[in-house]
PDB file of all heavy atoms in Angstrom:
ATOM      1  N   TRP A   1      -0.207  -4.236 -47.024  1.00  0.00           N
ATOM      2  CA  TRP A   1      -1.420  -3.833 -46.314  1.00  0.00           C
ATOM      3  C   TRP A   1      -1.549  -4.571 -44.993  1.00  0.00           C
ATOM      4  O   TRP A   1      -2.075  -4.030 -44.017  1.00  0.00           O
ATOM      5  CB  TRP A   1      -2.645  -4.074 -47.193  1.00  0.00           C
ATOM      6  CG  TRP A   1      -2.726  -3.120 -48.341  1.00  0.00           C
ATOM      7  CD1 TRP A   1      -2.514  -3.389 -49.655  1.00  0.00           C
ATOM      8  CD2 TRP A   1      -3.041  -1.710 -48.270  1.00  0.00           C
ATOM      9  NE1 TRP A   1      -2.660  -2.251 -50.421  1.00  0.00           N
ATOM     10  CE2 TRP A   1      -2.991  -1.204 -49.597  1.00  0.00           C
ATOM     11  CE3 TRP A   1      -3.345  -0.831 -47.234  1.00  0.00           C
ATOM     12  CZ2 TRP A   1      -3.253   0.127 -49.900  1.00  0.00           C
ATOM     13  CZ3 TRP A   1      -3.602   0.500 -47.528  1.00  0.00           C
ATOM     14  CH2 TRP A   1      -3.551   0.968 -48.845  1.00  0.00           C
ATOM     15  N   SER A   2      -1.077  -5.828 -44.958  1.00  0.00           N
ATOM     16  CA  SER A   2      -1.176  -6.604 -43.726  1.00  0.00           C
ATOM     17  C   SER A   2      -0.326  -5.973 -42.628  1.00  0.00           C
ATOM     18  O   SER A   2      -0.779  -5.827 -41.483  1.00  0.00           O
ATOM     19  CB  SER A   2      -0.745  -8.052 -43.975  1.00  0.00           C
ATOM     20  OG  SER A   2       0.552  -8.108 -44.539  1.00  0.00           O
ATOM     21  N   ASN A   3       0.900  -5.580 -42.958  1.00  0.00           N
ATOM     22  CA  ASN A   3       1.772  -4.965 -41.967  1.00  0.00           C
ATOM     23  C   ASN A   3       1.241  -3.598 -41.539  1.00  0.00           C
ATOM     24  O   ASN A   3       1.242  -3.258 -40.350  1.00  0.00           O
ATOM     25  CB  ASN A   3       3.186  -4.817 -42.527  1.00  0.00           C
ATOM     26  CG  ASN A   3       4.185  -4.366 -41.472  1.00  0.00           C
ATOM     27  OD1 ASN A   3       4.364  -5.020 -40.465  1.00  0.00           O
ATOM     28  ND2 ASN A   3       4.818  -3.228 -41.711  1.00  0.00           N
ATOM     29  N   PHE A   4       0.773  -2.829 -42.507  1.00  0.00           N
ATOM     30  CA  PHE A   4       0.224  -1.502 -42.198  1.00  0.00           C
ATOM     31  C   PHE A   4      -1.020  -1.629 -41.317  1.00  0.00           C
ATOM     32  O   PHE A   4      -1.194  -0.880 -40.347  1.00  0.00           O
ATOM     33  CB  PHE A   4      -0.113  -0.768 -43.498  1.00  0.00           C
ATOM     34  CG  PHE A   4      -0.594   0.649 -43.283  1.00  0.00           C
ATOM     35  CD1 PHE A   4       0.263   1.616 -42.788  1.00  0.00           C
ATOM     36  CD2 PHE A   4      -1.893   1.012 -43.591  1.00  0.00           C
ATOM     37  CE1 PHE A   4      -0.165   2.921 -42.587  1.00  0.00           C
ATOM     38  CE2 PHE A   4      -2.337   2.315 -43.400  1.00  0.00           C
ATOM     39  CZ  PHE A   4      -1.471   3.272 -42.896  1.00  0.00           C
ATOM     40  N   GLY A   5      -1.878  -2.602 -41.644  1.00  0.00           N
ATOM     41  CA  GLY A   5      -3.099  -2.808 -40.867  1.00  0.00           C
ATOM     42  C   GLY A   5      -2.810  -3.280 -39.454  1.00  0.00           C
ATOM     43  O   GLY A   5      -3.462  -2.842 -38.492  1.00  0.00           O
ATOM     44  N   ILE A   6      -1.827  -4.173 -39.304  1.00  0.00           N
ATOM     45  CA  ILE A   6      -1.456  -4.666 -37.976  1.00  0.00           C
ATOM     46  C   ILE A   6      -0.908  -3.533 -37.117  1.00  0.00           C
ATOM     47  O   ILE A   6      -1.259  -3.384 -35.947  1.00  0.00           O
ATOM     48  CB  ILE A   6      -0.438  -5.818 -38.095  1.00  0.00           C
ATOM     49  CG1 ILE A   6      -1.151  -7.085 -38.577  1.00  0.00           C
ATOM     50  CG2 ILE A   6       0.263  -6.072 -36.766  1.00  0.00           C
ATOM     51  CD1 ILE A   6      -0.215  -8.240 -38.859  1.00  0.00           C
ATOM     52  N   ASP A   7      -0.042  -2.700 -37.711  1.00  0.00           N
ATOM     53  CA  ASP A   7       0.505  -1.562 -36.958  1.00  0.00           C
ATOM     54  C   ASP A   7      -0.585  -0.560 -36.593  1.00  0.00           C
ATOM     55  O   ASP A   7      -0.485   0.125 -35.575  1.00  0.00           O
ATOM     56  CB  ASP A   7       1.607  -0.868 -37.769  1.00  0.00           C
ATOM     57  CG  ASP A   7       2.964  -1.525 -37.583  1.00  0.00           C
ATOM     58  OD1 ASP A   7       3.229  -2.017 -36.473  1.00  0.00           O
ATOM     59  OD2 ASP A   7       3.747  -1.566 -38.537  1.00  0.00           O
ATOM     60  N   LEU A   8      -1.603  -0.466 -37.412  1.00  0.00           N
ATOM     61  CA  LEU A   8      -2.710   0.438 -37.124  1.00  0.00           C
ATOM     62  C   LEU A   8      -3.575  -0.106 -35.985  1.00  0.00           C
ATOM     63  O   LEU A   8      -4.039   0.648 -35.130  1.00  0.00           O
ATOM     64  CB  LEU A   8      -3.577   0.627 -38.375  1.00  0.00           C
ATOM     65  CG  LEU A   8      -4.817   1.520 -38.230  1.00  0.00           C
ATOM     66  CD1 LEU A   8      -4.410   2.952 -37.910  1.00  0.00           C
ATOM     67  CD2 LEU A   8      -5.652   1.484 -39.512  1.00  0.00           C
ATOM     68  N   ALA A   9      -3.775  -1.404 -35.955  1.00  0.00           N
ATOM     69  CA  ALA A   9      -4.707  -2.015 -35.000  1.00  0.00           C
ATOM     70  C   ALA A   9      -4.086  -2.307 -33.639  1.00  0.00           C
ATOM     71  O   ALA A   9      -4.789  -2.301 -32.623  1.00  0.00           O
ATOM     72  CB  ALA A   9      -5.266  -3.312 -35.586  1.00  0.00           C
ATOM     73  N   LEU A  10      -2.775  -2.565 -33.589  1.00  0.00           N
ATOM     74  CA  LEU A  10      -2.145  -2.975 -32.338  1.00  0.00           C
ATOM     75  C   LEU A  10      -1.555  -1.785 -31.594  1.00  0.00           C
ATOM     76  O   LEU A  10      -0.972  -0.889 -32.196  1.00  0.00           O
ATOM     77  CB  LEU A  10      -1.061  -4.017 -32.613  1.00  0.00           C
ATOM     78  CG  LEU A  10      -1.537  -5.282 -33.342  1.00  0.00           C
ATOM     79  CD1 LEU A  10      -0.411  -6.298 -33.431  1.00  0.00           C
ATOM     80  CD2 LEU A  10      -2.755  -5.897 -32.663  1.00  0.00           C
ATOM     81  N   GLY A  11      -1.705  -1.809 -30.278  1.00  0.00           N
ATOM     82  CA  GLY A  11      -1.331  -0.661 -29.476  1.00  0.00           C
ATOM     83  C   GLY A  11       0.081  -0.694 -28.919  1.00  0.00           C
ATOM     84  O   GLY A  11       0.895  -1.569 -29.250  1.00  0.00           O
ATOM     85  N   SER A  12       0.356   0.249 -28.025  1.00  0.00           N
ATOM     86  CA  SER A  12       1.698   0.409 -27.469  1.00  0.00           C
ATOM     87  C   SER A  12       2.085  -0.748 -26.552  1.00  0.00           C
ATOM     88  O   SER A  12       3.270  -0.911 -26.234  1.00  0.00           O
ATOM     89  CB  SER A  12       1.779   1.722 -26.694  1.00  0.00           C
ATOM     90  OG  SER A  12       0.835   1.743 -25.631  1.00  0.00           O
ATOM     91  N   VAL A  13       1.114  -1.550 -26.131  1.00  0.00           N
ATOM     92  CA  VAL A  13       1.412  -2.661 -25.224  1.00  0.00           C
ATOM     93  C   VAL A  13       2.345  -3.689 -25.860  1.00  0.00           C
ATOM     94  O   VAL A  13       3.010  -4.447 -25.149  1.00  0.00           O
ATOM     95  CB  VAL A  13       0.115  -3.358 -24.756  1.00  0.00           C
ATOM     96  CG1 VAL A  13      -0.710  -2.445 -23.872  1.00  0.00           C
ATOM     97  CG2 VAL A  13      -0.708  -3.833 -25.939  1.00  0.00           C
ATOM     98  N   ILE A  14       2.404  -3.735 -27.185  1.00  0.00           N
ATOM     99  CA  ILE A  14       3.274  -4.719 -27.846  1.00  0.00           C
ATOM    100  C   ILE A  14       4.661  -4.152 -28.135  1.00  0.00           C
ATOM    101  O   ILE A  14       5.479  -4.808 -28.779  1.00  0.00           O
ATOM    102  CB  ILE A  14       2.645  -5.264 -29.148  1.00  0.00           C
ATOM    103  CG1 ILE A  14       2.637  -4.193 -30.239  1.00  0.00           C
ATOM    104  CG2 ILE A  14       1.260  -5.806 -28.908  1.00  0.00           C
ATOM    105  CD1 ILE A  14       2.344  -4.766 -31.618  1.00  0.00           C
ATOM    106  N   ASP A  15       4.935  -2.945 -27.638  1.00  0.00           N
ATOM    107  CA  ASP A  15       6.251  -2.353 -27.855  1.00  0.00           C
ATOM    108  C   ASP A  15       7.185  -2.561 -26.667  1.00  0.00           C
ATOM    109  O   ASP A  15       8.233  -1.920 -26.573  1.00  0.00           O
ATOM    110  CB  ASP A  15       6.122  -0.862 -28.176  1.00  0.00           C
ATOM    111  CG  ASP A  15       5.592  -0.628 -29.584  1.00  0.00           C
ATOM    112  OD1 ASP A  15       6.199  -1.156 -30.525  1.00  0.00           O
ATOM    113  OD2 ASP A  15       4.558   0.043 -29.734  1.00  0.00           O
ATOM    114  N   ARG A  16       6.819  -3.454 -25.769  1.00  0.00           N
ATOM    115  CA  ARG A  16       7.743  -3.851 -24.709  1.00  0.00           C
ATOM    116  C   ARG A  16       8.505  -5.096 -25.166  1.00  0.00           C
ATOM    117  O   ARG A  16       8.038  -5.863 -26.012  1.00  0.00           O
ATOM    118  CB  ARG A  16       7.003  -4.139 -23.403  1.00  0.00           C
ATOM    119  CG  ARG A  16       6.170  -5.410 -23.396  1.00  0.00           C
ATOM    120  CD  ARG A  16       5.723  -5.747 -21.981  1.00  0.00           C
ATOM    121  NE  ARG A  16       4.835  -6.900 -21.925  1.00  0.00           N
ATOM    122  CZ  ARG A  16       5.256  -8.158 -21.890  1.00  0.00           C
ATOM    123  NH1 ARG A  16       6.547  -8.438 -21.952  1.00  0.00           N
ATOM    124  NH2 ARG A  16       4.378  -9.157 -21.814  1.00  0.00           N
ATOM    125  N   ALA A  17       9.683  -5.286 -24.595  1.00  0.00           N
ATOM    126  CA  ALA A  17      10.489  -6.452 -24.945  1.00  0.00           C
ATOM    127  C   ALA A  17       9.796  -7.721 -24.446  1.00  0.00           C
ATOM    128  O   ALA A  17       9.363  -7.792 -23.297  1.00  0.00           O
ATOM    129  CB  ALA A  17      11.879  -6.341 -24.335  1.00  0.00           C
ATOM    130  N   ALA A  18       9.667  -8.698 -25.323  1.00  0.00           N
ATOM    131  CA  ALA A  18       9.094  -9.980 -24.931  1.00  0.00           C
ATOM    132  C   ALA A  18      10.135 -10.765 -24.140  1.00  0.00           C
ATOM    133  O   ALA A  18      11.324 -10.715 -24.447  1.00  0.00           O
ATOM    134  CB  ALA A  18       8.657 -10.762 -26.170  1.00  0.00           C
ATOM    135  N   THR A  19       9.693 -11.475 -23.117  1.00  0.00           N
ATOM    136  CA  THR A  19      10.615 -12.346 -22.390  1.00  0.00           C
ATOM    137  C   THR A  19      11.027 -13.492 -23.312  1.00  0.00           C
ATOM    138  O   THR A  19      10.348 -13.763 -24.308  1.00  0.00           O
ATOM    139  CB  THR A  19       9.948 -12.918 -21.133  1.00  0.00           C
ATOM    140  OG1 THR A  19       8.879 -13.793 -21.527  1.00  0.00           O
ATOM    141  CG2 THR A  19       9.409 -11.806 -20.244  1.00  0.00           C
ATOM    142  N   PRO A  20      12.126 -14.185 -23.014  1.00  0.00           N
ATOM    143  CA  PRO A  20      12.505 -15.323 -23.853  1.00  0.00           C
ATOM    144  C   PRO A  20      11.373 -16.327 -24.029  1.00  0.00           C
ATOM    145  O   PRO A  20      11.172 -16.854 -25.123  1.00  0.00           O
ATOM    146  CB  PRO A  20      13.693 -15.929 -23.095  1.00  0.00           C
ATOM    147  CG  PRO A  20      14.315 -14.771 -22.395  1.00  0.00           C
ATOM    148  CD  PRO A  20      13.155 -13.916 -21.975  1.00  0.00           C
ATOM    149  N   TYR A  21      10.643 -16.581 -22.947  1.00  0.00           N
ATOM    150  CA  TYR A  21       9.527 -17.531 -23.043  1.00  0.00           C
ATOM    151  C   TYR A  21       8.424 -16.991 -23.946  1.00  0.00           C
ATOM    152  O   TYR A  21       7.794 -17.740 -24.697  1.00  0.00           O
ATOM    153  CB  TYR A  21       8.967 -17.832 -21.655  1.00  0.00           C
ATOM    154  CG  TYR A  21       7.934 -18.944 -21.644  1.00  0.00           C
ATOM    155  CD1 TYR A  21       8.338 -20.277 -21.605  1.00  0.00           C
ATOM    156  CD2 TYR A  21       6.571 -18.664 -21.672  1.00  0.00           C
ATOM    157  CE1 TYR A  21       7.408 -21.307 -21.597  1.00  0.00           C
ATOM    158  CE2 TYR A  21       5.637 -19.684 -21.661  1.00  0.00           C
ATOM    159  CZ  TYR A  21       6.060 -21.009 -21.625  1.00  0.00           C
ATOM    160  OH  TYR A  21       5.134 -22.020 -21.628  1.00  0.00           O
ATOM    161  N   GLU A  22       8.183 -15.681 -23.879  1.00  0.00           N
ATOM    162  CA  GLU A  22       7.120 -15.072 -24.687  1.00  0.00           C
ATOM    163  C   GLU A  22       7.453 -15.068 -26.176  1.00  0.00           C
ATOM    164  O   GLU A  22       6.556 -14.917 -27.003  1.00  0.00           O
ATOM    165  CB  GLU A  22       6.827 -13.655 -24.193  1.00  0.00           C
ATOM    166  CG  GLU A  22       6.099 -13.620 -22.855  1.00  0.00           C
ATOM    167  CD  GLU A  22       5.987 -12.218 -22.286  1.00  0.00           C
ATOM    168  OE1 GLU A  22       6.813 -11.343 -22.634  1.00  0.00           O
ATOM    169  OE2 GLU A  22       5.083 -11.994 -21.459  1.00  0.00           O
ATOM    170  N   HIS A  23       8.731 -15.225 -26.519  1.00  0.00           N
ATOM    171  CA  HIS A  23       9.102 -15.342 -27.935  1.00  0.00           C
ATOM    172  C   HIS A  23       8.457 -16.574 -28.567  1.00  0.00           C
ATOM    173  O   HIS A  23       8.335 -16.659 -29.803  1.00  0.00           O
ATOM    174  CB  HIS A  23      10.634 -15.451 -28.088  1.00  0.00           C
ATOM    175  CG  HIS A  23      11.354 -14.140 -28.012  1.00  0.00           C
ATOM    176  ND1 HIS A  23      11.314 -13.315 -26.909  1.00  0.00           N
ATOM    177  CD2 HIS A  23      12.157 -13.501 -28.913  1.00  0.00           C
ATOM    178  CE1 HIS A  23      12.044 -12.245 -27.127  1.00  0.00           C
ATOM    179  NE2 HIS A  23      12.565 -12.323 -28.343  1.00  0.00           N
ATOM    180  N   LEU A  24       8.019 -17.503 -27.736  1.00  0.00           N
ATOM    181  CA  LEU A  24       7.501 -18.771 -28.247  1.00  0.00           C
ATOM    182  C   LEU A  24       6.089 -18.668 -28.794  1.00  0.00           C
ATOM    183  O   LEU A  24       5.477 -19.683 -29.115  1.00  0.00           O
ATOM    184  CB  LEU A  24       7.557 -19.836 -27.139  1.00  0.00           C
ATOM    185  CG  LEU A  24       8.941 -20.096 -26.548  1.00  0.00           C
ATOM    186  CD1 LEU A  24       8.891 -21.221 -25.525  1.00  0.00           C
ATOM    187  CD2 LEU A  24       9.956 -20.428 -27.639  1.00  0.00           C
ATOM    188  N   PHE A  25       5.567 -17.455 -28.925  1.00  0.00           N
ATOM    189  CA  PHE A  25       4.268 -17.340 -29.601  1.00  0.00           C
ATOM    190  C   PHE A  25       4.420 -17.494 -31.114  1.00  0.00           C
ATOM    191  O   PHE A  25       3.433 -17.660 -31.835  1.00  0.00           O
ATOM    192  CB  PHE A  25       3.574 -16.017 -29.245  1.00  0.00           C
ATOM    193  CG  PHE A  25       4.033 -14.816 -30.041  1.00  0.00           C
ATOM    194  CD1 PHE A  25       3.365 -14.433 -31.193  1.00  0.00           C
ATOM    195  CD2 PHE A  25       5.115 -14.063 -29.635  1.00  0.00           C
ATOM    196  CE1 PHE A  25       3.769 -13.326 -31.925  1.00  0.00           C
ATOM    197  CE2 PHE A  25       5.536 -12.955 -30.349  1.00  0.00           C
ATOM    198  CZ  PHE A  25       4.863 -12.591 -31.502  1.00  0.00           C
ATOM    199  N   LEU A  26       5.675 -17.470 -31.589  1.00  0.00           N
ATOM    200  CA  LEU A  26       5.946 -17.707 -33.003  1.00  0.00           C
ATOM    201  C   LEU A  26       6.463 -19.128 -33.192  1.00  0.00           C
ATOM    202  O   LEU A  26       7.425 -19.537 -32.519  1.00  0.00           O
ATOM    203  CB  LEU A  26       6.977 -16.708 -33.527  1.00  0.00           C
ATOM    204  CG  LEU A  26       6.516 -15.256 -33.674  1.00  0.00           C
ATOM    205  CD1 LEU A  26       7.677 -14.384 -34.142  1.00  0.00           C
ATOM    206  CD2 LEU A  26       5.345 -15.137 -34.636  1.00  0.00           C
ATOM    207  N   PRO A  27       5.874 -19.898 -34.095  1.00  0.00           N
ATOM    208  CA  PRO A  27       6.300 -21.292 -34.306  1.00  0.00           C
ATOM    209  C   PRO A  27       7.782 -21.456 -34.585  1.00  0.00           C
ATOM    210  O   PRO A  27       8.398 -22.419 -34.120  1.00  0.00           O
ATOM    211  CB  PRO A  27       5.450 -21.721 -35.509  1.00  0.00           C
ATOM    212  CG  PRO A  27       4.205 -20.913 -35.390  1.00  0.00           C
ATOM    213  CD  PRO A  27       4.673 -19.575 -34.883  1.00  0.00           C
ATOM    214  N   ILE A  28       8.388 -20.532 -35.332  1.00  0.00           N
ATOM    215  CA  ILE A  28       9.803 -20.683 -35.667  1.00  0.00           C
ATOM    216  C   ILE A  28      10.672 -20.589 -34.414  1.00  0.00           C
ATOM    217  O   ILE A  28      11.738 -21.225 -34.330  1.00  0.00           O
ATOM    218  CB  ILE A  28      10.243 -19.621 -36.720  1.00  0.00           C
ATOM    219  CG1 ILE A  28      11.636 -19.954 -37.254  1.00  0.00           C
ATOM    220  CG2 ILE A  28      10.169 -18.226 -36.145  1.00  0.00           C
ATOM    221  CD1 ILE A  28      11.723 -21.270 -37.984  1.00  0.00           C
ATOM    222  N   TYR A  29      10.210 -19.828 -33.413  1.00  0.00           N
ATOM    223  CA  TYR A  29      10.958 -19.738 -32.163  1.00  0.00           C
ATOM    224  C   TYR A  29      10.781 -20.995 -31.330  1.00  0.00           C
ATOM    225  O   TYR A  29      11.696 -21.396 -30.594  1.00  0.00           O
ATOM    226  CB  TYR A  29      10.538 -18.492 -31.375  1.00  0.00           C
ATOM    227  CG  TYR A  29      11.331 -17.264 -31.776  1.00  0.00           C
ATOM    228  CD1 TYR A  29      10.928 -16.472 -32.839  1.00  0.00           C
ATOM    229  CD2 TYR A  29      12.489 -16.907 -31.098  1.00  0.00           C
ATOM    230  CE1 TYR A  29      11.658 -15.361 -33.223  1.00  0.00           C
ATOM    231  CE2 TYR A  29      13.233 -15.793 -31.464  1.00  0.00           C
ATOM    232  CZ  TYR A  29      12.816 -15.019 -32.533  1.00  0.00           C
ATOM    233  OH  TYR A  29      13.554 -13.928 -32.910  1.00  0.00           O
ATOM    234  N   VAL A  30       9.607 -21.635 -31.407  1.00  0.00           N
ATOM    235  CA  VAL A  30       9.418 -22.920 -30.737  1.00  0.00           C
ATOM    236  C   VAL A  30      10.360 -23.949 -31.351  1.00  0.00           C
ATOM    237  O   VAL A  30      11.016 -24.720 -30.647  1.00  0.00           O
ATOM    238  CB  VAL A  30       7.949 -23.394 -30.851  1.00  0.00           C
ATOM    239  CG1 VAL A  30       7.777 -24.775 -30.210  1.00  0.00           C
ATOM    240  CG2 VAL A  30       7.009 -22.396 -30.199  1.00  0.00           C
ATOM    241  N   TYR A  31      10.430 -23.938 -32.672  1.00  0.00           N
ATOM    242  CA  TYR A  31      11.316 -24.855 -33.393  1.00  0.00           C
ATOM    243  C   TYR A  31      12.774 -24.672 -32.958  1.00  0.00           C
ATOM    244  O   TYR A  31      13.481 -25.645 -32.647  1.00  0.00           O
ATOM    245  CB  TYR A  31      11.171 -24.616 -34.896  1.00  0.00           C
ATOM    246  CG  TYR A  31      12.187 -25.327 -35.754  1.00  0.00           C
ATOM    247  CD1 TYR A  31      12.064 -26.684 -36.041  1.00  0.00           C
ATOM    248  CD2 TYR A  31      13.277 -24.640 -36.292  1.00  0.00           C
ATOM    249  CE1 TYR A  31      13.009 -27.335 -36.828  1.00  0.00           C
ATOM    250  CE2 TYR A  31      14.221 -25.285 -37.077  1.00  0.00           C
ATOM    251  CZ  TYR A  31      14.078 -26.628 -37.346  1.00  0.00           C
ATOM    252  OH  TYR A  31      15.009 -27.277 -38.117  1.00  0.00           O
ATOM    253  N   GLU A  32      13.247 -23.437 -32.924  1.00  0.00           N
ATOM    254  CA  GLU A  32      14.624 -23.159 -32.538  1.00  0.00           C
ATOM    255  C   GLU A  32      14.857 -23.465 -31.062  1.00  0.00           C
ATOM    256  O   GLU A  32      15.921 -23.969 -30.679  1.00  0.00           O
ATOM    257  CB  GLU A  32      14.982 -21.704 -32.834  1.00  0.00           C
ATOM    258  CG  GLU A  32      15.046 -21.357 -34.316  1.00  0.00           C
ATOM    259  CD  GLU A  32      16.158 -22.102 -35.045  1.00  0.00           C
ATOM    260  OE1 GLU A  32      17.159 -22.477 -34.379  1.00  0.00           O
ATOM    261  OE2 GLU A  32      16.033 -22.321 -36.267  1.00  0.00           O
ATOM    262  N   GLN A  33      13.846 -23.171 -30.238  1.00  0.00           N
ATOM    263  CA  GLN A  33      14.012 -23.402 -28.795  1.00  0.00           C
ATOM    264  C   GLN A  33      14.134 -24.879 -28.469  1.00  0.00           C
ATOM    265  O   GLN A  33      14.883 -25.268 -27.557  1.00  0.00           O
ATOM    266  CB  GLN A  33      12.821 -22.800 -28.034  1.00  0.00           C
ATOM    267  CG  GLN A  33      12.935 -22.900 -26.522  1.00  0.00           C
ATOM    268  CD  GLN A  33      14.175 -22.191 -25.998  1.00  0.00           C
ATOM    269  OE1 GLN A  33      14.355 -20.999 -26.185  1.00  0.00           O
ATOM    270  NE2 GLN A  33      15.055 -22.944 -25.333  1.00  0.00           N
ATOM    271  N   MET A  34      13.430 -25.729 -29.201  1.00  0.00           N
ATOM    272  CA  MET A  34      13.495 -27.168 -28.934  1.00  0.00           C
ATOM    273  C   MET A  34      14.914 -27.709 -29.139  1.00  0.00           C
ATOM    274  O   MET A  34      15.309 -28.695 -28.522  1.00  0.00           O
ATOM    275  CB  MET A  34      12.507 -27.918 -29.814  1.00  0.00           C
ATOM    276  CG  MET A  34      11.039 -27.654 -29.472  1.00  0.00           C
ATOM    277  SD  MET A  34      10.591 -28.036 -27.766  1.00  0.00           S
ATOM    278  CE  MET A  34      10.597 -29.825 -27.826  1.00  0.00           C
ATOM    279  N   LYS A  35      15.694 -27.050 -29.987  1.00  0.00           N
ATOM    280  CA  LYS A  35      17.088 -27.459 -30.190  1.00  0.00           C
ATOM    281  C   LYS A  35      17.933 -27.167 -28.954  1.00  0.00           C
ATOM    282  O   LYS A  35      19.032 -27.713 -28.806  1.00  0.00           O
ATOM    283  CB  LYS A  35      17.694 -26.720 -31.390  1.00  0.00           C
ATOM    284  CG  LYS A  35      17.017 -26.991 -32.714  1.00  0.00           C
ATOM    285  CD  LYS A  35      17.688 -26.158 -33.802  1.00  0.00           C
ATOM    286  CE  LYS A  35      17.008 -26.297 -35.149  1.00  0.00           C
ATOM    287  NZ  LYS A  35      17.663 -25.476 -36.194  1.00  0.00           N
ATOM    288  N   HIS A  36      17.421 -26.283 -28.099  1.00  0.00           N
ATOM    289  CA  HIS A  36      18.156 -25.870 -26.904  1.00  0.00           C
ATOM    290  C   HIS A  36      17.344 -26.188 -25.653  1.00  0.00           C
ATOM    291  O   HIS A  36      17.329 -25.426 -24.688  1.00  0.00           O
ATOM    292  CB  HIS A  36      18.472 -24.375 -26.972  1.00  0.00           C
ATOM    293  CG  HIS A  36      19.269 -23.979 -28.178  1.00  0.00           C
ATOM    294  ND1 HIS A  36      18.674 -23.688 -29.387  1.00  0.00           N
ATOM    295  CD2 HIS A  36      20.617 -23.863 -28.364  1.00  0.00           C
ATOM    296  CE1 HIS A  36      19.621 -23.391 -30.266  1.00  0.00           C
ATOM    297  NE2 HIS A  36      20.797 -23.492 -29.679  1.00  0.00           N
ATOM    298  N   THR A  37      16.678 -27.324 -25.697  1.00  0.00           N
ATOM    299  CA  THR A  37      15.855 -27.768 -24.576  1.00  0.00           C
ATOM    300  C   THR A  37      16.300 -29.157 -24.144  1.00  0.00           C
ATOM    301  O   THR A  37      16.627 -29.998 -24.987  1.00  0.00           O
ATOM    302  CB  THR A  37      14.365 -27.796 -24.982  1.00  0.00           C
ATOM    303  OG1 THR A  37      13.965 -26.474 -25.364  1.00  0.00           O
ATOM    304  CG2 THR A  37      13.489 -28.275 -23.845  1.00  0.00           C
ATOM    305  N   THR A  38      16.315 -29.377 -22.852  1.00  0.00           N
ATOM    306  CA  THR A  38      16.766 -30.669 -22.337  1.00  0.00           C
ATOM    307  C   THR A  38      15.671 -31.364 -21.544  1.00  0.00           C
ATOM    308  O   THR A  38      14.763 -30.726 -21.001  1.00  0.00           O
ATOM    309  CB  THR A  38      18.002 -30.501 -21.429  1.00  0.00           C
ATOM    310  OG1 THR A  38      17.664 -29.609 -20.347  1.00  0.00           O
ATOM    311  CG2 THR A  38      19.175 -29.943 -22.205  1.00  0.00           C
ATOM    312  N   LEU A  39      15.780 -32.665 -21.479  1.00  0.00           N
ATOM    313  CA  LEU A  39      14.910 -33.508 -20.663  1.00  0.00           C
ATOM    314  C   LEU A  39      15.826 -34.449 -19.890  1.00  0.00           C
ATOM    315  O   LEU A  39      16.594 -35.205 -20.493  1.00  0.00           O
ATOM    316  CB  LEU A  39      13.939 -34.301 -21.539  1.00  0.00           C
ATOM    317  CG  LEU A  39      12.925 -35.175 -20.809  1.00  0.00           C
ATOM    318  CD1 LEU A  39      11.988 -34.323 -19.957  1.00  0.00           C
ATOM    319  CD2 LEU A  39      12.107 -36.023 -21.792  1.00  0.00           C
ATOM    320  N   ASN A  40      15.762 -34.334 -18.571  1.00  0.00           N
ATOM    321  CA  ASN A  40      16.690 -35.095 -17.721  1.00  0.00           C
ATOM    322  C   ASN A  40      18.154 -34.800 -18.070  1.00  0.00           C
ATOM    323  O   ASN A  40      19.013 -35.686 -18.033  1.00  0.00           O
ATOM    324  CB  ASN A  40      16.429 -36.594 -17.840  1.00  0.00           C
ATOM    325  CG  ASN A  40      15.056 -36.981 -17.304  1.00  0.00           C
ATOM    326  OD1 ASN A  40      14.652 -36.496 -16.251  1.00  0.00           O
ATOM    327  ND2 ASN A  40      14.346 -37.822 -18.039  1.00  0.00           N
ATOM    328  N   GLY A  41      18.405 -33.547 -18.447  1.00  0.00           N
ATOM    329  CA  GLY A  41      19.768 -33.115 -18.728  1.00  0.00           C
ATOM    330  C   GLY A  41      20.281 -33.467 -20.109  1.00  0.00           C
ATOM    331  O   GLY A  41      21.406 -33.114 -20.457  1.00  0.00           O
TER     332      GLY A  41
END
């Protein structure tokens, strides 16, 4: 019901490809991205 309800409520604006940075709205992507992030090289 959660997936069906979300698809019912959310519009076509979310059917565009998210930029790599925009993937970070999900915690698991933040976690994975930190493995590929540098500070001072």
